N, C-alpha and C. Protein backbone atom coordinates (compact mmCIF):
# COMPACT_ATOMS: atom_id res chain seq x y z
N MET A 1 48.02 4.73 -19.08
CA MET A 1 48.56 5.63 -20.10
C MET A 1 47.41 6.27 -20.88
N LEU A 2 47.55 7.58 -21.17
CA LEU A 2 46.56 8.32 -21.93
C LEU A 2 47.18 8.79 -23.25
N HIS A 3 46.36 8.80 -24.28
CA HIS A 3 46.83 9.24 -25.60
C HIS A 3 46.31 10.64 -25.88
N LEU A 4 47.23 11.61 -26.09
CA LEU A 4 46.87 12.99 -26.42
C LEU A 4 47.23 13.23 -27.88
N PRO A 5 46.21 13.37 -28.76
CA PRO A 5 46.51 13.52 -30.19
C PRO A 5 47.15 14.88 -30.51
N GLU A 6 47.84 14.95 -31.60
CA GLU A 6 48.44 16.19 -32.09
C GLU A 6 47.35 17.24 -32.31
N GLY A 7 47.59 18.47 -31.80
CA GLY A 7 46.67 19.58 -31.97
C GLY A 7 45.42 19.49 -31.12
N ALA A 8 45.35 18.55 -30.17
CA ALA A 8 44.14 18.38 -29.37
C ALA A 8 43.86 19.57 -28.47
N ILE A 9 44.91 20.22 -27.96
CA ILE A 9 44.72 21.36 -27.06
C ILE A 9 44.42 22.63 -27.84
N ASP A 10 45.18 22.90 -28.89
CA ASP A 10 44.97 24.10 -29.73
C ASP A 10 45.26 23.71 -31.16
N LEU A 11 44.24 23.54 -31.94
CA LEU A 11 44.40 23.07 -33.30
C LEU A 11 45.07 24.12 -34.18
N GLN A 12 44.77 25.41 -33.94
CA GLN A 12 45.33 26.48 -34.76
C GLN A 12 46.83 26.59 -34.58
N ARG A 13 47.28 26.52 -33.35
CA ARG A 13 48.73 26.61 -33.07
C ARG A 13 49.38 25.24 -33.01
N ASN A 14 48.55 24.21 -33.26
CA ASN A 14 49.06 22.83 -33.30
C ASN A 14 49.75 22.45 -31.99
N ILE A 15 49.00 22.54 -30.91
CA ILE A 15 49.50 22.14 -29.59
C ILE A 15 48.71 20.92 -29.14
N PRO A 16 49.40 19.84 -28.86
CA PRO A 16 50.84 19.59 -29.02
C PRO A 16 51.20 19.34 -30.49
N LYS A 17 52.45 19.39 -30.81
CA LYS A 17 52.90 19.27 -32.19
C LYS A 17 52.99 17.82 -32.64
N GLN A 18 52.80 16.89 -31.70
CA GLN A 18 52.84 15.48 -32.06
C GLN A 18 52.01 14.69 -31.04
N ASP A 19 51.64 13.51 -31.40
CA ASP A 19 50.91 12.67 -30.46
C ASP A 19 51.77 12.42 -29.23
N MET A 20 51.09 12.37 -28.07
CA MET A 20 51.84 12.20 -26.83
C MET A 20 51.19 11.12 -25.97
N LYS A 21 52.01 10.42 -25.25
CA LYS A 21 51.57 9.46 -24.26
C LYS A 21 51.70 10.11 -22.89
N LEU A 22 50.59 10.12 -22.13
CA LEU A 22 50.57 10.77 -20.83
C LEU A 22 50.33 9.76 -19.72
N VAL A 23 50.92 10.06 -18.59
CA VAL A 23 50.67 9.28 -17.38
C VAL A 23 49.80 10.13 -16.46
N ALA A 24 48.67 9.59 -16.04
CA ALA A 24 47.74 10.37 -15.22
C ALA A 24 47.14 9.48 -14.14
N PRO A 25 46.88 10.05 -12.97
CA PRO A 25 46.23 9.28 -11.90
C PRO A 25 44.74 9.09 -12.21
N THR A 26 44.15 8.09 -11.61
CA THR A 26 42.72 7.85 -11.76
C THR A 26 41.95 8.80 -10.85
N ALA A 27 40.96 9.45 -11.40
CA ALA A 27 40.14 10.35 -10.60
C ALA A 27 39.31 9.55 -9.60
N GLN A 28 39.24 10.04 -8.38
CA GLN A 28 38.50 9.35 -7.33
C GLN A 28 37.54 10.34 -6.64
N LEU A 29 36.36 9.85 -6.33
CA LEU A 29 35.38 10.65 -5.61
C LEU A 29 35.30 10.11 -4.18
N THR A 30 35.71 10.93 -3.23
CA THR A 30 35.76 10.48 -1.84
C THR A 30 34.94 11.41 -0.95
N VAL A 31 34.39 10.83 0.11
CA VAL A 31 33.64 11.60 1.11
C VAL A 31 33.99 11.07 2.49
N ARG A 32 33.64 11.83 3.50
CA ARG A 32 33.87 11.37 4.86
C ARG A 32 32.90 10.23 5.18
N SER A 33 33.34 9.32 6.02
CA SER A 33 32.53 8.15 6.35
C SER A 33 31.24 8.52 7.08
N GLU A 34 31.25 9.66 7.80
CA GLU A 34 30.05 10.04 8.56
C GLU A 34 29.02 10.79 7.71
N LEU A 35 29.29 10.99 6.42
CA LEU A 35 28.32 11.67 5.56
C LEU A 35 27.04 10.86 5.48
N ASN A 36 25.91 11.57 5.48
CA ASN A 36 24.60 10.91 5.41
C ASN A 36 24.54 9.99 4.18
N PRO A 37 24.11 8.73 4.36
CA PRO A 37 24.05 7.80 3.22
C PRO A 37 23.21 8.32 2.06
N ALA A 38 22.14 9.05 2.35
CA ALA A 38 21.29 9.57 1.28
C ALA A 38 22.06 10.56 0.42
N LEU A 39 22.95 11.35 1.05
CA LEU A 39 23.76 12.31 0.29
C LEU A 39 24.81 11.60 -0.55
N LYS A 40 25.28 10.45 -0.09
CA LYS A 40 26.24 9.69 -0.89
C LYS A 40 25.59 9.26 -2.20
N TYR A 41 24.38 8.76 -2.10
CA TYR A 41 23.67 8.38 -3.33
C TYR A 41 23.45 9.59 -4.22
N LEU A 42 23.12 10.71 -3.61
CA LEU A 42 22.86 11.92 -4.40
C LEU A 42 24.12 12.38 -5.12
N LEU A 43 25.27 12.36 -4.45
CA LEU A 43 26.53 12.75 -5.08
C LEU A 43 26.90 11.82 -6.23
N LEU A 44 26.71 10.53 -6.02
CA LEU A 44 27.03 9.57 -7.08
C LEU A 44 26.11 9.77 -8.29
N GLN A 45 24.84 10.04 -8.05
CA GLN A 45 23.94 10.30 -9.17
C GLN A 45 24.34 11.56 -9.92
N ALA A 46 24.74 12.62 -9.17
CA ALA A 46 25.17 13.86 -9.82
C ALA A 46 26.44 13.64 -10.63
N ALA A 47 27.40 12.89 -10.08
CA ALA A 47 28.65 12.62 -10.79
C ALA A 47 28.40 11.82 -12.06
N ARG A 48 27.51 10.85 -11.97
CA ARG A 48 27.21 10.05 -13.16
C ARG A 48 26.49 10.88 -14.22
N GLN A 49 25.62 11.76 -13.76
CA GLN A 49 24.88 12.61 -14.71
C GLN A 49 25.80 13.59 -15.42
N VAL A 50 26.77 14.15 -14.69
CA VAL A 50 27.66 15.16 -15.25
C VAL A 50 28.78 14.52 -16.08
N HIS A 51 29.38 13.45 -15.54
CA HIS A 51 30.59 12.89 -16.17
C HIS A 51 30.36 11.55 -16.86
N GLY A 52 29.15 11.00 -16.74
CA GLY A 52 28.93 9.66 -17.27
C GLY A 52 29.06 9.55 -18.77
N ALA A 53 28.86 10.67 -19.48
CA ALA A 53 28.92 10.61 -20.95
C ALA A 53 30.34 10.52 -21.49
N GLY A 54 31.34 10.72 -20.63
CA GLY A 54 32.72 10.66 -21.09
C GLY A 54 33.26 12.03 -21.45
N GLY A 55 34.56 12.09 -21.80
CA GLY A 55 35.20 13.35 -22.13
C GLY A 55 36.38 13.13 -23.06
N GLY A 56 37.36 14.01 -22.91
CA GLY A 56 38.51 13.94 -23.81
C GLY A 56 39.36 12.70 -23.60
N PHE A 57 39.44 12.24 -22.37
CA PHE A 57 40.32 11.11 -22.08
C PHE A 57 39.55 9.86 -21.63
N GLU A 58 38.38 10.06 -21.03
CA GLU A 58 37.64 8.90 -20.52
C GLU A 58 36.47 8.57 -21.43
N ARG A 59 36.19 7.28 -21.51
CA ARG A 59 35.06 6.83 -22.31
C ARG A 59 33.78 6.88 -21.47
N GLU A 60 32.66 6.69 -22.13
CA GLU A 60 31.37 6.72 -21.45
C GLU A 60 31.30 5.67 -20.35
N GLY A 61 30.87 6.11 -19.16
CA GLY A 61 30.70 5.20 -18.04
C GLY A 61 31.95 4.93 -17.23
N GLN A 62 33.06 5.56 -17.57
CA GLN A 62 34.31 5.31 -16.84
C GLN A 62 34.42 6.10 -15.54
N PHE A 63 33.61 7.14 -15.40
CA PHE A 63 33.61 7.89 -14.14
C PHE A 63 32.18 8.32 -13.84
N PRO A 64 31.77 8.14 -12.60
CA PRO A 64 32.49 7.51 -11.48
C PRO A 64 32.56 6.00 -11.65
N SER A 65 33.55 5.40 -11.01
CA SER A 65 33.80 3.97 -11.17
C SER A 65 34.35 3.40 -9.87
N PRO A 66 34.05 2.14 -9.57
CA PRO A 66 34.59 1.51 -8.36
C PRO A 66 36.00 0.94 -8.54
N LYS A 67 36.59 1.17 -9.72
CA LYS A 67 37.90 0.58 -10.02
C LYS A 67 39.05 1.51 -9.59
N TYR A 68 40.16 0.91 -9.32
CA TYR A 68 41.43 1.61 -9.07
C TYR A 68 41.29 2.63 -7.92
N LEU A 69 40.71 2.21 -6.82
CA LEU A 69 40.50 3.12 -5.69
C LEU A 69 41.59 2.94 -4.64
N ASP A 70 41.97 4.05 -4.02
CA ASP A 70 42.92 4.02 -2.90
C ASP A 70 42.21 3.98 -1.56
N PHE A 71 40.87 4.17 -1.58
CA PHE A 71 40.09 4.18 -0.35
C PHE A 71 39.05 3.06 -0.40
N PRO A 72 38.67 2.55 0.75
CA PRO A 72 37.66 1.48 0.75
C PRO A 72 36.32 1.98 0.21
N LEU A 73 35.64 1.12 -0.51
CA LEU A 73 34.36 1.48 -1.11
C LEU A 73 33.26 1.38 -0.05
N SER A 74 32.49 2.43 0.09
CA SER A 74 31.42 2.42 1.09
C SER A 74 30.32 1.45 0.67
N ARG A 75 29.51 1.07 1.64
CA ARG A 75 28.41 0.15 1.36
C ARG A 75 27.42 0.77 0.38
N GLU A 76 27.15 2.06 0.54
CA GLU A 76 26.20 2.73 -0.36
C GLU A 76 26.75 2.81 -1.79
N ALA A 77 28.06 3.11 -1.91
CA ALA A 77 28.66 3.19 -3.24
C ALA A 77 28.66 1.82 -3.92
N ASP A 78 28.99 0.78 -3.14
CA ASP A 78 28.99 -0.56 -3.70
C ASP A 78 27.60 -0.94 -4.20
N ARG A 79 26.56 -0.59 -3.44
CA ARG A 79 25.19 -0.88 -3.86
C ARG A 79 24.81 -0.06 -5.09
N PHE A 80 25.30 1.20 -5.13
CA PHE A 80 24.99 2.07 -6.27
C PHE A 80 25.59 1.51 -7.56
N TYR A 81 26.85 1.06 -7.50
CA TYR A 81 27.51 0.55 -8.70
C TYR A 81 26.91 -0.79 -9.15
N ARG A 82 26.39 -1.56 -8.20
CA ARG A 82 25.82 -2.86 -8.57
C ARG A 82 24.39 -2.76 -9.08
N SER A 83 23.57 -1.90 -8.46
CA SER A 83 22.15 -1.88 -8.81
C SER A 83 21.58 -0.49 -9.06
N GLY A 84 22.41 0.55 -9.02
CA GLY A 84 21.92 1.90 -9.29
C GLY A 84 21.37 2.56 -8.04
N PRO A 85 20.71 3.70 -8.20
CA PRO A 85 20.16 4.42 -7.05
C PRO A 85 19.09 3.59 -6.34
N PRO A 86 18.81 3.89 -5.07
CA PRO A 86 17.73 3.20 -4.37
C PRO A 86 16.41 3.33 -5.12
N LEU A 87 15.54 2.36 -4.95
CA LEU A 87 14.28 2.31 -5.69
C LEU A 87 13.45 3.58 -5.51
N LEU A 88 13.37 4.09 -4.27
CA LEU A 88 12.54 5.27 -4.02
C LEU A 88 13.09 6.50 -4.73
N GLN A 89 14.42 6.62 -4.77
CA GLN A 89 15.03 7.80 -5.40
C GLN A 89 14.92 7.75 -6.92
N ARG A 90 14.60 6.61 -7.48
CA ARG A 90 14.44 6.53 -8.93
C ARG A 90 13.14 7.16 -9.38
N TYR A 91 12.12 7.10 -8.53
CA TYR A 91 10.79 7.52 -8.96
C TYR A 91 10.21 8.68 -8.15
N LEU A 92 10.86 9.05 -7.06
CA LEU A 92 10.33 10.11 -6.20
C LEU A 92 11.34 11.23 -6.05
N PRO A 93 10.87 12.45 -5.74
CA PRO A 93 11.81 13.52 -5.41
C PRO A 93 12.71 13.12 -4.24
N PHE A 94 13.90 13.71 -4.21
CA PHE A 94 14.90 13.30 -3.23
C PHE A 94 14.38 13.39 -1.81
N TRP A 95 13.74 14.52 -1.45
CA TRP A 95 13.31 14.71 -0.06
C TRP A 95 12.21 13.72 0.32
N VAL A 96 11.35 13.37 -0.64
CA VAL A 96 10.30 12.40 -0.36
C VAL A 96 10.91 11.01 -0.14
N ALA A 97 11.88 10.65 -0.99
CA ALA A 97 12.52 9.35 -0.87
C ALA A 97 13.25 9.22 0.46
N VAL A 98 13.96 10.30 0.87
CA VAL A 98 14.68 10.26 2.15
C VAL A 98 13.71 10.16 3.31
N PHE A 99 12.61 10.91 3.23
CA PHE A 99 11.61 10.87 4.31
C PHE A 99 11.03 9.46 4.46
N LEU A 100 10.66 8.83 3.36
CA LEU A 100 10.10 7.49 3.42
C LEU A 100 11.12 6.47 3.89
N ASP A 101 12.38 6.69 3.50
CA ASP A 101 13.43 5.78 3.94
C ASP A 101 13.62 5.85 5.44
N HIS A 102 13.54 7.05 6.01
CA HIS A 102 13.65 7.20 7.46
C HIS A 102 12.40 6.67 8.16
N MET A 103 11.26 6.83 7.51
CA MET A 103 10.01 6.40 8.14
C MET A 103 9.88 4.89 8.22
N LYS A 104 10.62 4.17 7.37
CA LYS A 104 10.46 2.71 7.37
C LYS A 104 10.86 2.11 8.71
N ILE A 105 11.73 2.82 9.46
CA ILE A 105 12.11 2.33 10.78
C ILE A 105 10.90 2.32 11.70
N MET A 106 10.01 3.28 11.52
CA MET A 106 8.79 3.35 12.33
C MET A 106 7.64 2.57 11.71
N LEU A 107 7.64 2.47 10.37
CA LEU A 107 6.53 1.82 9.70
C LEU A 107 6.51 0.32 9.92
N LEU A 108 7.69 -0.30 9.98
CA LEU A 108 7.73 -1.75 10.14
C LEU A 108 7.08 -2.21 11.46
N PRO A 109 7.43 -1.59 12.61
CA PRO A 109 6.71 -1.98 13.84
C PRO A 109 5.22 -1.63 13.77
N LEU A 110 4.90 -0.49 13.12
CA LEU A 110 3.51 -0.09 13.02
C LEU A 110 2.71 -1.10 12.20
N ILE A 111 3.29 -1.58 11.12
CA ILE A 111 2.62 -2.58 10.29
C ILE A 111 2.42 -3.87 11.08
N ALA A 112 3.44 -4.22 11.88
CA ALA A 112 3.32 -5.43 12.70
C ALA A 112 2.17 -5.31 13.70
N LEU A 113 1.94 -4.10 14.19
CA LEU A 113 0.84 -3.89 15.14
C LEU A 113 -0.52 -3.85 14.43
N LEU A 114 -0.54 -3.29 13.22
CA LEU A 114 -1.80 -3.13 12.51
C LEU A 114 -2.25 -4.40 11.80
N TYR A 115 -1.32 -5.32 11.56
CA TYR A 115 -1.69 -6.53 10.82
C TYR A 115 -2.82 -7.31 11.49
N PRO A 116 -2.75 -7.57 12.82
CA PRO A 116 -3.89 -8.26 13.45
C PRO A 116 -5.18 -7.47 13.32
N LEU A 117 -5.08 -6.14 13.37
CA LEU A 117 -6.27 -5.31 13.25
C LEU A 117 -6.92 -5.47 11.88
N PHE A 118 -6.10 -5.57 10.84
CA PHE A 118 -6.63 -5.76 9.50
C PHE A 118 -7.37 -7.09 9.37
N LYS A 119 -6.97 -8.08 10.16
CA LYS A 119 -7.65 -9.37 10.12
C LYS A 119 -8.98 -9.30 10.88
N ILE A 120 -9.05 -8.44 11.88
CA ILE A 120 -10.27 -8.33 12.70
C ILE A 120 -11.33 -7.48 12.00
N ILE A 121 -10.88 -6.45 11.27
CA ILE A 121 -11.82 -5.50 10.67
C ILE A 121 -12.88 -6.19 9.80
N PRO A 122 -12.54 -7.14 8.92
CA PRO A 122 -13.60 -7.79 8.12
C PRO A 122 -14.63 -8.51 8.99
N GLN A 123 -14.16 -9.13 10.08
CA GLN A 123 -15.10 -9.82 10.96
C GLN A 123 -16.02 -8.85 11.66
N VAL A 124 -15.47 -7.71 12.11
CA VAL A 124 -16.29 -6.69 12.76
C VAL A 124 -17.30 -6.12 11.77
N TYR A 125 -16.85 -5.88 10.56
CA TYR A 125 -17.75 -5.34 9.53
C TYR A 125 -18.88 -6.33 9.25
N ARG A 126 -18.53 -7.61 9.15
CA ARG A 126 -19.55 -8.63 8.88
C ARG A 126 -20.56 -8.68 10.03
N TRP A 127 -20.07 -8.59 11.26
CA TRP A 127 -20.97 -8.61 12.41
C TRP A 127 -21.88 -7.38 12.41
N ARG A 128 -21.32 -6.23 12.06
CA ARG A 128 -22.12 -5.00 12.04
C ARG A 128 -23.25 -5.10 11.01
N MET A 129 -22.93 -5.62 9.83
CA MET A 129 -23.94 -5.72 8.79
C MET A 129 -25.03 -6.71 9.18
N ARG A 130 -24.65 -7.86 9.72
CA ARG A 130 -25.64 -8.87 10.08
C ARG A 130 -26.44 -8.46 11.31
N SER A 131 -25.83 -7.65 12.19
CA SER A 131 -26.57 -7.22 13.38
C SER A 131 -27.75 -6.32 13.01
N ARG A 132 -27.67 -5.65 11.87
CA ARG A 132 -28.79 -4.83 11.41
C ARG A 132 -30.03 -5.69 11.17
N ILE A 133 -29.78 -6.94 10.83
CA ILE A 133 -30.90 -7.86 10.55
C ILE A 133 -31.22 -8.72 11.77
N TYR A 134 -30.19 -9.29 12.40
CA TYR A 134 -30.40 -10.25 13.48
C TYR A 134 -31.10 -9.66 14.68
N ARG A 135 -30.92 -8.35 14.93
CA ARG A 135 -31.55 -7.76 16.11
C ARG A 135 -33.07 -7.76 16.00
N TRP A 136 -33.58 -7.92 14.77
CA TRP A 136 -35.03 -7.97 14.60
C TRP A 136 -35.60 -9.34 14.94
N TYR A 137 -34.76 -10.34 15.07
CA TYR A 137 -35.27 -11.68 15.40
C TYR A 137 -35.85 -11.73 16.81
N ALA A 138 -35.31 -10.92 17.72
CA ALA A 138 -35.86 -10.89 19.07
C ALA A 138 -37.31 -10.40 19.04
N ARG A 139 -37.56 -9.39 18.24
CA ARG A 139 -38.93 -8.88 18.12
C ARG A 139 -39.83 -9.88 17.39
N LEU A 140 -39.28 -10.56 16.41
CA LEU A 140 -40.05 -11.56 15.69
C LEU A 140 -40.40 -12.72 16.60
N GLU A 141 -39.48 -13.07 17.49
CA GLU A 141 -39.72 -14.17 18.42
C GLU A 141 -40.86 -13.85 19.39
N SER A 142 -40.98 -12.57 19.74
CA SER A 142 -42.07 -12.18 20.66
C SER A 142 -43.44 -12.30 20.00
N VAL A 143 -43.45 -12.33 18.69
CA VAL A 143 -44.72 -12.47 17.95
C VAL A 143 -45.08 -13.92 17.75
N ASP A 144 -44.11 -14.81 17.80
CA ASP A 144 -44.35 -16.23 17.57
C ASP A 144 -45.33 -16.76 18.62
N PRO A 145 -46.42 -17.38 18.23
CA PRO A 145 -47.42 -17.88 19.18
C PRO A 145 -46.85 -18.85 20.21
N LYS A 146 -45.75 -19.57 19.87
CA LYS A 146 -45.16 -20.50 20.82
C LYS A 146 -44.51 -19.77 21.98
N VAL A 147 -44.07 -18.52 21.73
CA VAL A 147 -43.39 -17.75 22.76
C VAL A 147 -44.35 -16.79 23.45
N GLY A 148 -45.33 -16.24 22.69
CA GLY A 148 -46.26 -15.26 23.24
C GLY A 148 -47.07 -15.85 24.39
N ARG A 149 -47.44 -15.00 25.32
CA ARG A 149 -48.19 -15.45 26.48
C ARG A 149 -49.65 -15.01 26.35
N GLY A 150 -50.50 -15.61 27.16
CA GLY A 150 -51.91 -15.25 27.15
C GLY A 150 -52.69 -16.04 26.12
N ASN A 151 -53.87 -15.57 25.83
CA ASN A 151 -54.75 -16.22 24.87
C ASN A 151 -54.26 -15.92 23.45
N VAL A 152 -53.66 -16.93 22.81
CA VAL A 152 -53.06 -16.74 21.48
C VAL A 152 -54.11 -16.34 20.47
N ASN A 153 -55.26 -16.99 20.52
CA ASN A 153 -56.29 -16.74 19.52
C ASN A 153 -56.77 -15.29 19.55
N SER A 154 -56.86 -14.73 20.76
CA SER A 154 -57.33 -13.35 20.88
C SER A 154 -56.28 -12.33 20.45
N GLN A 155 -55.04 -12.78 20.34
CA GLN A 155 -53.94 -11.86 20.02
C GLN A 155 -53.46 -11.99 18.58
N ILE A 156 -54.10 -12.87 17.81
CA ILE A 156 -53.61 -13.11 16.45
C ILE A 156 -53.61 -11.85 15.61
N ASN A 157 -54.68 -11.06 15.71
CA ASN A 157 -54.76 -9.83 14.91
C ASN A 157 -53.65 -8.84 15.33
N GLU A 158 -53.38 -8.79 16.63
CA GLU A 158 -52.29 -7.93 17.11
C GLU A 158 -50.94 -8.42 16.56
N TYR A 159 -50.80 -9.76 16.55
CA TYR A 159 -49.55 -10.33 16.03
C TYR A 159 -49.38 -10.01 14.54
N LEU A 160 -50.46 -10.08 13.80
CA LEU A 160 -50.38 -9.79 12.37
C LEU A 160 -50.03 -8.32 12.13
N ASP A 161 -50.63 -7.44 12.95
CA ASP A 161 -50.28 -6.02 12.82
C ASP A 161 -48.81 -5.79 13.17
N GLU A 162 -48.35 -6.49 14.19
CA GLU A 162 -46.94 -6.37 14.58
C GLU A 162 -46.01 -6.85 13.46
N LEU A 163 -46.40 -7.93 12.83
CA LEU A 163 -45.60 -8.44 11.70
C LEU A 163 -45.55 -7.44 10.56
N ASP A 164 -46.67 -6.79 10.29
CA ASP A 164 -46.71 -5.78 9.23
C ASP A 164 -45.76 -4.62 9.55
N GLN A 165 -45.74 -4.21 10.81
CA GLN A 165 -44.84 -3.12 11.22
C GLN A 165 -43.38 -3.54 11.09
N ILE A 166 -43.10 -4.77 11.53
CA ILE A 166 -41.72 -5.27 11.41
C ILE A 166 -41.30 -5.32 9.96
N GLU A 167 -42.18 -5.82 9.09
CA GLU A 167 -41.84 -5.93 7.67
C GLU A 167 -41.61 -4.57 7.04
N ASP A 168 -42.41 -3.57 7.42
CA ASP A 168 -42.23 -2.22 6.88
C ASP A 168 -40.89 -1.63 7.31
N GLN A 169 -40.53 -1.85 8.56
CA GLN A 169 -39.27 -1.29 9.06
C GLN A 169 -38.06 -2.03 8.49
N VAL A 170 -38.20 -3.34 8.33
CA VAL A 170 -37.10 -4.13 7.76
C VAL A 170 -36.88 -3.78 6.30
N ALA A 171 -37.96 -3.39 5.60
CA ALA A 171 -37.84 -3.02 4.19
C ALA A 171 -36.95 -1.78 4.01
N LYS A 172 -36.78 -1.02 5.08
CA LYS A 172 -35.97 0.20 5.01
C LYS A 172 -34.49 -0.07 5.31
N ILE A 173 -34.19 -1.30 5.72
CA ILE A 173 -32.80 -1.64 6.03
C ILE A 173 -31.99 -1.71 4.75
N SER A 174 -30.83 -1.06 4.75
CA SER A 174 -29.93 -1.09 3.59
C SER A 174 -28.65 -1.84 3.96
N VAL A 175 -28.39 -2.91 3.24
CA VAL A 175 -27.18 -3.69 3.47
C VAL A 175 -26.50 -3.94 2.14
N PRO A 176 -25.17 -4.17 2.14
CA PRO A 176 -24.47 -4.50 0.90
C PRO A 176 -25.03 -5.77 0.27
N LEU A 177 -24.78 -5.91 -1.00
CA LEU A 177 -25.32 -7.04 -1.75
C LEU A 177 -24.87 -8.38 -1.15
N ALA A 178 -23.66 -8.42 -0.59
CA ALA A 178 -23.14 -9.67 -0.03
C ALA A 178 -23.97 -10.16 1.14
N PHE A 179 -24.72 -9.26 1.80
CA PHE A 179 -25.51 -9.64 2.97
C PHE A 179 -27.01 -9.65 2.66
N SER A 180 -27.36 -9.50 1.41
CA SER A 180 -28.78 -9.47 1.05
C SER A 180 -29.45 -10.82 1.29
N GLU A 181 -28.68 -11.89 1.28
CA GLU A 181 -29.26 -13.22 1.52
C GLU A 181 -29.83 -13.31 2.94
N ASP A 182 -29.12 -12.73 3.93
CA ASP A 182 -29.61 -12.73 5.30
C ASP A 182 -30.91 -11.94 5.41
N LEU A 183 -30.97 -10.82 4.71
CA LEU A 183 -32.18 -10.00 4.73
C LEU A 183 -33.34 -10.75 4.08
N TYR A 184 -33.04 -11.45 3.00
CA TYR A 184 -34.08 -12.23 2.31
C TYR A 184 -34.60 -13.34 3.22
N HIS A 185 -33.71 -14.03 3.95
CA HIS A 185 -34.12 -15.09 4.87
C HIS A 185 -35.02 -14.55 5.98
N PHE A 186 -34.68 -13.36 6.48
CA PHE A 186 -35.50 -12.78 7.54
C PHE A 186 -36.91 -12.48 7.04
N ARG A 187 -37.00 -11.91 5.84
CA ARG A 187 -38.32 -11.64 5.28
C ARG A 187 -39.09 -12.94 5.05
N LEU A 188 -38.37 -13.98 4.68
CA LEU A 188 -39.00 -15.28 4.49
C LEU A 188 -39.56 -15.81 5.81
N HIS A 189 -38.84 -15.60 6.90
CA HIS A 189 -39.31 -16.03 8.21
C HIS A 189 -40.55 -15.24 8.64
N ILE A 190 -40.57 -13.95 8.29
CA ILE A 190 -41.77 -13.15 8.58
C ILE A 190 -42.97 -13.72 7.85
N GLU A 191 -42.79 -14.06 6.59
CA GLU A 191 -43.90 -14.59 5.79
C GLU A 191 -44.34 -15.96 6.32
N MET A 192 -43.38 -16.76 6.77
CA MET A 192 -43.73 -18.07 7.32
C MET A 192 -44.57 -17.92 8.60
N LEU A 193 -44.17 -16.97 9.46
CA LEU A 193 -44.92 -16.75 10.69
C LEU A 193 -46.30 -16.17 10.39
N ARG A 194 -46.38 -15.29 9.40
CA ARG A 194 -47.69 -14.75 9.01
C ARG A 194 -48.62 -15.86 8.50
N SER A 195 -48.07 -16.75 7.69
CA SER A 195 -48.87 -17.86 7.17
C SER A 195 -49.34 -18.76 8.31
N LYS A 196 -48.48 -18.94 9.30
CA LYS A 196 -48.83 -19.77 10.44
C LYS A 196 -49.98 -19.15 11.23
N LEU A 197 -49.91 -17.82 11.44
CA LEU A 197 -50.96 -17.13 12.17
C LEU A 197 -52.28 -17.15 11.40
N LYS A 198 -52.23 -16.94 10.10
CA LYS A 198 -53.44 -16.97 9.29
C LYS A 198 -54.07 -18.36 9.29
N LEU A 199 -53.22 -19.39 9.32
CA LEU A 199 -53.72 -20.75 9.37
C LEU A 199 -54.48 -20.98 10.66
N MET A 200 -53.95 -20.44 11.75
CA MET A 200 -54.65 -20.58 13.04
C MET A 200 -55.98 -19.84 13.00
N THR A 201 -56.02 -18.70 12.31
CA THR A 201 -57.27 -17.94 12.20
C THR A 201 -58.30 -18.71 11.40
N ASP A 202 -57.87 -19.37 10.34
CA ASP A 202 -58.78 -20.13 9.51
C ASP A 202 -59.37 -21.32 10.28
N LYS A 203 -58.57 -21.90 11.17
CA LYS A 203 -59.06 -23.04 11.95
C LYS A 203 -60.14 -22.60 12.93
N ASP A 204 -59.99 -21.36 13.44
CA ASP A 204 -60.99 -20.86 14.37
C ASP A 204 -62.29 -20.59 13.62
């Protein structure tokens, strides 16, 4: 039952001339079942924006409403009435939200494929950074008197010159701070080998 106050339609001519009780059907918003779900949300948002403040007969928030329906409530409408518009449509333009919603069907398998790759990338990066330093150990090993061939004593000066060249080139290597310890250790090994060679020279 609806209450129509006296003079509500035309106050000057006093229409109606007395308060009236009216019988009226409940307004319903219906769409075809095959309508795109994104458009259902959009229609419900538009209806709430236009009619949500109430009017002459309905109070605020009474339309649109899931009550007193003659048709089954769609899944999208039920979700809209319980929790509001989808999360993406709350913060993004409609076309962007719809695009991302459609893309999630492709993104989920893609994420599943990329997840192992994300685990490998840090290891590959770590190997790449350390390889900048470790590849110099082969050259350092060739300078070590235990590995070098021929008369070690006659080659000491050549070995020292080689160490100086290696140290100059290694000084130009740029690595992130997290890998500076490896670079420091390599320079320490160069200095240890140089001290060893100089010690052999002093003995001679």
